[in-house]
PDB file of all heavy atoms in Angstrom:
ATOM      1  N   ALA A   1      26.271 100.119  37.183  1.00  0.00           N
ATOM      2  CA  ALA A   1      24.866 100.080  37.631  1.00  0.00           C
ATOM      3  C   ALA A   1      24.143 101.269  36.864  1.00  0.00           C
ATOM      4  O   ALA A   1      22.981 101.220  36.750  1.00  0.00           O
ATOM      5  CB  ALA A   1      24.840 100.281  39.203  1.00  0.00           C
ATOM      6  N   LYS A   2      24.941 102.294  36.427  1.00  0.00           N
ATOM      7  CA  LYS A   2      24.373 103.396  35.783  1.00  0.00           C
ATOM      8  C   LYS A   2      24.824 103.517  34.369  1.00  0.00           C
ATOM      9  O   LYS A   2      24.485 104.577  33.786  1.00  0.00           O
ATOM     10  CB  LYS A   2      24.839 104.658  36.602  1.00  0.00           C
ATOM     11  CG  LYS A   2      24.385 104.795  38.001  1.00  0.00           C
ATOM     12  CD  LYS A   2      24.690 106.104  38.592  1.00  0.00           C
ATOM     13  CE  LYS A   2      24.167 106.285  40.045  1.00  0.00           C
ATOM     14  NZ  LYS A   2      22.736 106.158  40.109  1.00  0.00           N
ATOM     15  N   ASN A   3      25.403 102.543  33.806  1.00  0.00           N
ATOM     16  CA  ASN A   3      25.871 102.551  32.461  1.00  0.00           C
ATOM     17  C   ASN A   3      26.555 103.897  32.057  1.00  0.00           C
ATOM     18  O   ASN A   3      26.273 104.447  31.064  1.00  0.00           O
ATOM     19  CB  ASN A   3      24.628 102.326  31.545  1.00  0.00           C
ATOM     20  CG  ASN A   3      23.995 100.941  31.558  1.00  0.00           C
ATOM     21  OD1 ASN A   3      24.613 100.045  32.361  1.00  0.00           O
ATOM     22  ND2 ASN A   3      22.913 100.626  30.784  1.00  0.00           N
ATOM     23  N   THR A   4      27.477 104.152  32.930  1.00  0.00           N
ATOM     24  CA  THR A   4      28.206 105.469  32.742  1.00  0.00           C
ATOM     25  C   THR A   4      29.742 105.151  32.817  1.00  0.00           C
ATOM     26  O   THR A   4      30.167 104.552  33.755  1.00  0.00           O
ATOM     27  CB  THR A   4      27.758 106.489  33.744  1.00  0.00           C
ATOM     28  OG1 THR A   4      26.279 106.680  33.654  1.00  0.00           O
ATOM     29  CG2 THR A   4      28.388 107.821  33.502  1.00  0.00           C
ATOM     30  N   VAL A   5      30.499 105.889  32.066  1.00  0.00           N
ATOM     31  CA  VAL A   5      31.885 105.969  32.112  1.00  0.00           C
ATOM     32  C   VAL A   5      32.418 107.394  32.441  1.00  0.00           C
ATOM     33  O   VAL A   5      31.771 108.311  31.906  1.00  0.00           O
ATOM     34  CB  VAL A   5      32.588 105.275  30.944  1.00  0.00           C
ATOM     35  CG1 VAL A   5      32.312 106.152  29.627  1.00  0.00           C
ATOM     36  CG2 VAL A   5      34.072 105.126  31.017  1.00  0.00           C
ATOM     37  N   PHE A   6      33.438 107.499  33.148  1.00  0.00           N
ATOM     38  CA  PHE A   6      33.885 108.870  33.547  1.00  0.00           C
ATOM     39  C   PHE A   6      35.340 109.063  33.105  1.00  0.00           C
ATOM     40  O   PHE A   6      36.210 108.117  33.057  1.00  0.00           O
ATOM     41  CB  PHE A   6      33.852 109.019  35.071  1.00  0.00           C
ATOM     42  CG  PHE A   6      32.482 108.788  35.636  1.00  0.00           C
ATOM     43  CD1 PHE A   6      32.054 107.662  36.102  1.00  0.00           C
ATOM     44  CD2 PHE A   6      31.505 109.855  35.609  1.00  0.00           C
ATOM     45  CE1 PHE A   6      30.756 107.439  36.671  1.00  0.00           C
ATOM     46  CE2 PHE A   6      30.227 109.760  36.058  1.00  0.00           C
ATOM     47  CZ  PHE A   6      29.834 108.466  36.669  1.00  0.00           C
ATOM     48  N   LEU A   7      35.756 110.258  32.933  1.00  0.00           N
ATOM     49  CA  LEU A   7      37.239 110.630  32.811  1.00  0.00           C
ATOM     50  C   LEU A   7      37.407 111.830  33.761  1.00  0.00           C
ATOM     51  O   LEU A   7      36.990 112.895  33.445  1.00  0.00           O
ATOM     52  CB  LEU A   7      37.562 110.878  31.339  1.00  0.00           C
ATOM     53  CG  LEU A   7      39.042 111.215  31.121  1.00  0.00           C
ATOM     54  CD1 LEU A   7      39.870 109.918  31.350  1.00  0.00           C
ATOM     55  CD2 LEU A   7      39.220 111.772  29.664  1.00  0.00           C
ATOM     56  N   MET A   8      38.110 111.519  34.855  1.00  0.00           N
ATOM     57  CA  MET A   8      38.590 112.648  35.750  1.00  0.00           C
ATOM     58  C   MET A   8      39.910 113.116  35.183  1.00  0.00           C
ATOM     59  O   MET A   8      40.813 112.415  35.150  1.00  0.00           O
ATOM     60  CB  MET A   8      38.672 112.113  37.255  1.00  0.00           C
ATOM     61  CG  MET A   8      38.936 113.239  38.222  1.00  0.00           C
ATOM     62  SD  MET A   8      37.501 114.311  38.336  1.00  0.00           S
ATOM     63  CE  MET A   8      38.311 115.885  38.561  1.00  0.00           C
ATOM     64  N   MET A   9      39.865 114.417  34.901  1.00  0.00           N
ATOM     65  CA  MET A   9      41.109 115.117  34.423  1.00  0.00           C
ATOM     66  C   MET A   9      41.614 116.124  35.535  1.00  0.00           C
ATOM     67  O   MET A   9      40.935 117.156  35.804  1.00  0.00           O
ATOM     68  CB  MET A   9      40.811 115.735  33.084  1.00  0.00           C
ATOM     69  CG  MET A   9      40.234 114.757  32.053  1.00  0.00           C
ATOM     70  SD  MET A   9      39.952 115.499  30.478  1.00  0.00           S
ATOM     71  CE  MET A   9      38.736 116.736  30.797  1.00  0.00           C
ATOM     72  N   ASN A  10      42.764 115.874  35.965  1.00  0.00           N
ATOM     73  CA  ASN A  10      43.370 116.776  36.869  1.00  0.00           C
ATOM     74  C   ASN A  10      44.651 117.416  36.213  1.00  0.00           C
ATOM     75  O   ASN A  10      45.175 116.872  35.365  1.00  0.00           O
ATOM     76  CB  ASN A  10      43.765 116.169  38.104  1.00  0.00           C
ATOM     77  CG  ASN A  10      42.594 115.587  38.996  1.00  0.00           C
ATOM     78  OD1 ASN A  10      41.574 116.305  39.088  1.00  0.00           O
ATOM     79  ND2 ASN A  10      42.651 114.363  39.501  1.00  0.00           N
ATOM     80  N   SER A  11      45.134 118.462  36.806  1.00  0.00           N
ATOM     81  CA  SER A  11      46.289 119.189  36.403  1.00  0.00           C
ATOM     82  C   SER A  11      46.371 119.425  34.834  1.00  0.00           C
ATOM     83  O   SER A  11      47.219 119.057  34.123  1.00  0.00           O
ATOM     84  CB  SER A  11      47.587 118.362  36.810  1.00  0.00           C
ATOM     85  OG  SER A  11      47.601 118.147  38.214  1.00  0.00           O
ATOM     86  N   LEU A  12      45.280 119.950  34.428  1.00  0.00           N
ATOM     87  CA  LEU A  12      45.064 120.189  32.930  1.00  0.00           C
ATOM     88  C   LEU A  12      46.128 121.101  32.417  1.00  0.00           C
ATOM     89  O   LEU A  12      46.503 122.085  32.958  1.00  0.00           O
ATOM     90  CB  LEU A  12      43.711 120.523  32.614  1.00  0.00           C
ATOM     91  CG  LEU A  12      42.669 119.469  32.713  1.00  0.00           C
ATOM     92  CD1 LEU A  12      41.236 120.099  32.841  1.00  0.00           C
ATOM     93  CD2 LEU A  12      42.716 118.605  31.508  1.00  0.00           C
ATOM     94  N   LYS A  13      46.546 120.676  31.157  1.00  0.00           N
ATOM     95  CA  LYS A  13      47.632 121.499  30.547  1.00  0.00           C
ATOM     96  C   LYS A  13      46.996 122.015  29.168  1.00  0.00           C
ATOM     97  O   LYS A  13      46.021 121.533  28.636  1.00  0.00           O
ATOM     98  CB  LYS A  13      48.753 120.651  30.102  1.00  0.00           C
ATOM     99  CG  LYS A  13      49.436 119.986  31.396  1.00  0.00           C
ATOM    100  CD  LYS A  13      50.627 119.038  30.908  1.00  0.00           C
ATOM    101  CE  LYS A  13      51.286 118.421  32.047  1.00  0.00           C
ATOM    102  NZ  LYS A  13      52.275 117.518  31.759  1.00  0.00           N
ATOM    103  N   LEU A  14      47.622 123.000  28.636  1.00  0.00           N
ATOM    104  CA  LEU A  14      47.089 123.613  27.339  1.00  0.00           C
ATOM    105  C   LEU A  14      47.002 122.573  26.336  1.00  0.00           C
ATOM    106  O   LEU A  14      46.085 122.567  25.456  1.00  0.00           O
ATOM    107  CB  LEU A  14      48.111 124.789  26.909  1.00  0.00           C
ATOM    108  CG  LEU A  14      48.168 125.999  27.810  1.00  0.00           C
ATOM    109  CD1 LEU A  14      49.123 127.010  27.198  1.00  0.00           C
ATOM    110  CD2 LEU A  14      46.764 126.646  27.903  1.00  0.00           C
ATOM    111  N   GLU A  15      47.912 121.607  26.240  1.00  0.00           N
ATOM    112  CA  GLU A  15      47.939 120.588  25.175  1.00  0.00           C
ATOM    113  C   GLU A  15      46.804 119.556  25.309  1.00  0.00           C
ATOM    114  O   GLU A  15      46.663 118.829  24.447  1.00  0.00           O
ATOM    115  CB  GLU A  15      49.260 119.927  25.053  1.00  0.00           C
ATOM    116  CG  GLU A  15      49.779 119.329  26.435  1.00  0.00           C
ATOM    117  CD  GLU A  15      50.824 120.254  27.091  1.00  0.00           C
ATOM    118  OE1 GLU A  15      50.560 121.478  27.135  1.00  0.00           O
ATOM    119  OE2 GLU A  15      51.759 119.724  27.577  1.00  0.00           O
ATOM    120  N   ASP A  16      46.077 119.574  26.399  1.00  0.00           N
ATOM    121  CA  ASP A  16      44.911 118.713  26.608  1.00  0.00           C
ATOM    122  C   ASP A  16      43.675 119.317  25.806  1.00  0.00           C
ATOM    123  O   ASP A  16      42.659 118.610  25.880  1.00  0.00           O
ATOM    124  CB  ASP A  16      44.609 118.624  28.078  1.00  0.00           C
ATOM    125  CG  ASP A  16      45.656 117.903  28.860  1.00  0.00           C
ATOM    126  OD1 ASP A  16      46.202 116.937  28.381  1.00  0.00           O
ATOM    127  OD2 ASP A  16      45.949 118.277  30.118  1.00  0.00           O
ATOM    128  N   THR A  17      43.780 120.513  25.357  1.00  0.00           N
ATOM    129  CA  THR A  17      42.703 121.095  24.645  1.00  0.00           C
ATOM    130  C   THR A  17      42.307 120.240  23.367  1.00  0.00           C
ATOM    131  O   THR A  17      43.157 119.945  22.503  1.00  0.00           O
ATOM    132  CB  THR A  17      42.867 122.513  24.149  1.00  0.00           C
ATOM    133  OG1 THR A  17      43.146 123.386  25.325  1.00  0.00           O
ATOM    134  CG2 THR A  17      41.936 123.177  23.297  1.00  0.00           C
ATOM    135  N   ALA A  18      41.045 119.802  23.280  1.00  0.00           N
ATOM    136  CA  ALA A  18      40.619 118.909  22.283  1.00  0.00           C
ATOM    137  C   ALA A  18      39.065 118.713  22.420  1.00  0.00           C
ATOM    138  O   ALA A  18      38.557 119.089  23.516  1.00  0.00           O
ATOM    139  CB  ALA A  18      41.360 117.582  22.178  1.00  0.00           C
ATOM    140  N   VAL A  19      38.522 118.059  21.366  1.00  0.00           N
ATOM    141  CA  VAL A  19      37.240 117.476  21.559  1.00  0.00           C
ATOM    142  C   VAL A  19      37.483 115.995  22.010  1.00  0.00           C
ATOM    143  O   VAL A  19      38.220 115.259  21.529  1.00  0.00           O
ATOM    144  CB  VAL A  19      36.463 117.448  20.190  1.00  0.00           C
ATOM    145  CG1 VAL A  19      35.122 116.751  20.345  1.00  0.00           C
ATOM    146  CG2 VAL A  19      36.319 118.839  19.703  1.00  0.00           C
ATOM    147  N   TYR A  20      36.749 115.723  23.092  1.00  0.00           N
ATOM    148  CA  TYR A  20      36.917 114.396  23.766  1.00  0.00           C
ATOM    149  C   TYR A  20      35.685 113.539  23.367  1.00  0.00           C
ATOM    150  O   TYR A  20      34.566 114.001  23.481  1.00  0.00           O
ATOM    151  CB  TYR A  20      37.007 114.554  25.206  1.00  0.00           C
ATOM    152  CG  TYR A  20      38.407 115.025  25.700  1.00  0.00           C
ATOM    153  CD1 TYR A  20      38.765 116.262  25.447  1.00  0.00           C
ATOM    154  CD2 TYR A  20      39.169 114.202  26.316  1.00  0.00           C
ATOM    155  CE1 TYR A  20      40.020 116.741  25.833  1.00  0.00           C
ATOM    156  CE2 TYR A  20      40.527 114.587  26.716  1.00  0.00           C
ATOM    157  CZ  TYR A  20      40.910 115.795  26.417  1.00  0.00           C
ATOM    158  OH  TYR A  20      42.154 116.235  26.802  1.00  0.00           O
ATOM    159  N   TYR A  21      35.977 112.316  22.909  1.00  0.00           N
ATOM    160  CA  TYR A  21      34.948 111.366  22.457  1.00  0.00           C
ATOM    161  C   TYR A  21      35.021 110.252  23.349  1.00  0.00           C
ATOM    162  O   TYR A  21      35.930 109.599  23.667  1.00  0.00           O
ATOM    163  CB  TYR A  21      35.287 110.903  21.059  1.00  0.00           C
ATOM    164  CG  TYR A  21      35.212 112.066  19.925  1.00  0.00           C
ATOM    165  CD1 TYR A  21      36.324 112.729  19.705  1.00  0.00           C
ATOM    166  CD2 TYR A  21      34.050 112.365  19.413  1.00  0.00           C
ATOM    167  CE1 TYR A  21      36.284 113.752  18.767  1.00  0.00           C
ATOM    168  CE2 TYR A  21      33.987 113.385  18.475  1.00  0.00           C
ATOM    169  CZ  TYR A  21      35.043 114.000  18.187  1.00  0.00           C
ATOM    170  OH  TYR A  21      35.072 115.035  17.200  1.00  0.00           O
ATOM    171  N   CYS A  22      33.757 109.759  23.711  1.00  0.00           N
ATOM    172  CA  CYS A  22      33.527 108.456  24.404  1.00  0.00           C
ATOM    173  C   CYS A  22      33.191 107.419  23.460  1.00  0.00           C
ATOM    174  O   CYS A  22      32.623 107.756  22.331  1.00  0.00           O
ATOM    175  CB  CYS A  22      32.245 108.633  25.348  1.00  0.00           C
ATOM    176  SG  CYS A  22      31.870 107.204  26.255  1.00  0.00           S
ATOM    177  N   ALA A  23      33.705 106.155  23.701  1.00  0.00           N
ATOM    178  CA  ALA A  23      33.551 105.080  22.686  1.00  0.00           C
ATOM    179  C   ALA A  23      33.380 103.794  23.434  1.00  0.00           C
ATOM    180  O   ALA A  23      33.968 103.606  24.527  1.00  0.00           O
ATOM    181  CB  ALA A  23      34.804 105.024  21.756  1.00  0.00           C
ATOM    182  N   ALA A  24      32.646 102.939  22.783  1.00  0.00           N
ATOM    183  CA  ALA A  24      32.454 101.562  23.335  1.00  0.00           C
ATOM    184  C   ALA A  24      33.117 100.547  22.337  1.00  0.00           C
ATOM    185  O   ALA A  24      32.894 100.665  21.189  1.00  0.00           O
ATOM    186  CB  ALA A  24      30.961 101.247  23.495  1.00  0.00           C
ATOM    187  N   SER A  25      33.708  99.559  22.901  1.00  0.00           N
ATOM    188  CA  SER A  25      34.418  98.591  22.112  1.00  0.00           C
ATOM    189  C   SER A  25      33.383  97.575  21.551  1.00  0.00           C
ATOM    190  O   SER A  25      32.210  97.574  21.877  1.00  0.00           O
ATOM    191  CB  SER A  25      35.390  97.849  22.942  1.00  0.00           C
ATOM    192  OG  SER A  25      34.740  96.878  23.817  1.00  0.00           O
ATOM    193  N   ALA A  26      33.870  96.734  20.628  1.00  0.00           N
ATOM    194  CA  ALA A  26      33.100  95.627  20.294  1.00  0.00           C
ATOM    195  C   ALA A  26      32.872  94.776  21.483  1.00  0.00           C
ATOM    196  O   ALA A  26      33.604  94.832  22.499  1.00  0.00           O
ATOM    197  CB  ALA A  26      33.864  94.737  19.198  1.00  0.00           C
ATOM    198  N   PRO A  27      31.863  93.956  21.485  1.00  0.00           N
ATOM    199  CA  PRO A  27      31.487  93.059  22.641  1.00  0.00           C
ATOM    200  C   PRO A  27      32.693  92.245  23.152  1.00  0.00           C
ATOM    201  O   PRO A  27      33.425  91.650  22.369  1.00  0.00           O
ATOM    202  CB  PRO A  27      30.332  92.165  22.171  1.00  0.00           C
ATOM    203  CG  PRO A  27      29.696  92.951  21.099  1.00  0.00           C
ATOM    204  CD  PRO A  27      30.815  93.734  20.347  1.00  0.00           C
ATOM    205  N   LEU A  28      32.888  92.320  24.436  1.00  0.00           N
ATOM    206  CA  LEU A  28      34.035  91.633  25.094  1.00  0.00           C
ATOM    207  C   LEU A  28      35.316  92.018  24.638  1.00  0.00           C
ATOM    208  O   LEU A  28      36.367  91.315  24.743  1.00  0.00           O
ATOM    209  CB  LEU A  28      33.879  90.069  24.878  1.00  0.00           C
ATOM    210  CG  LEU A  28      32.482  89.472  25.248  1.00  0.00           C
ATOM    211  CD1 LEU A  28      32.487  88.005  25.105  1.00  0.00           C
ATOM    212  CD2 LEU A  28      32.165  89.942  26.651  1.00  0.00           C
ATOM    213  N   GLY A  29      35.431  93.259  24.129  1.00  0.00           N
ATOM    214  CA  GLY A  29      36.695  93.768  23.625  1.00  0.00           C
ATOM    215  C   GLY A  29      37.153  94.984  24.494  1.00  0.00           C
ATOM    216  O   GLY A  29      36.445  95.555  25.403  1.00  0.00           O
ATOM    217  N   SER A  30      38.243  95.473  24.146  1.00  0.00           N
ATOM    218  CA  SER A  30      38.967  96.631  24.705  1.00  0.00           C
ATOM    219  C   SER A  30      40.118  96.951  23.897  1.00  0.00           C
ATOM    220  O   SER A  30      40.420  96.352  22.911  1.00  0.00           O
ATOM    221  CB  SER A  30      39.212  96.458  26.196  1.00  0.00           C
ATOM    222  OG  SER A  30      40.180  95.375  26.359  1.00  0.00           O
ATOM    223  N   GLY A  31      40.902  98.000  24.262  1.00  0.00           N
ATOM    224  CA  GLY A  31      42.140  98.206  23.583  1.00  0.00           C
ATOM    225  C   GLY A  31      42.396  99.710  23.485  1.00  0.00           C
ATOM    226  O   GLY A  31      41.743 100.623  24.083  1.00  0.00           O
TER     227      GLY A  31
END
């Protein structure tokens, strides 16, 4: 309804440090 995707990240570790990118698949796709 809000055209929004979330990523809830718990118990974060040092190795989770990164630039995080949101992406949309081709229509009717995923993967």
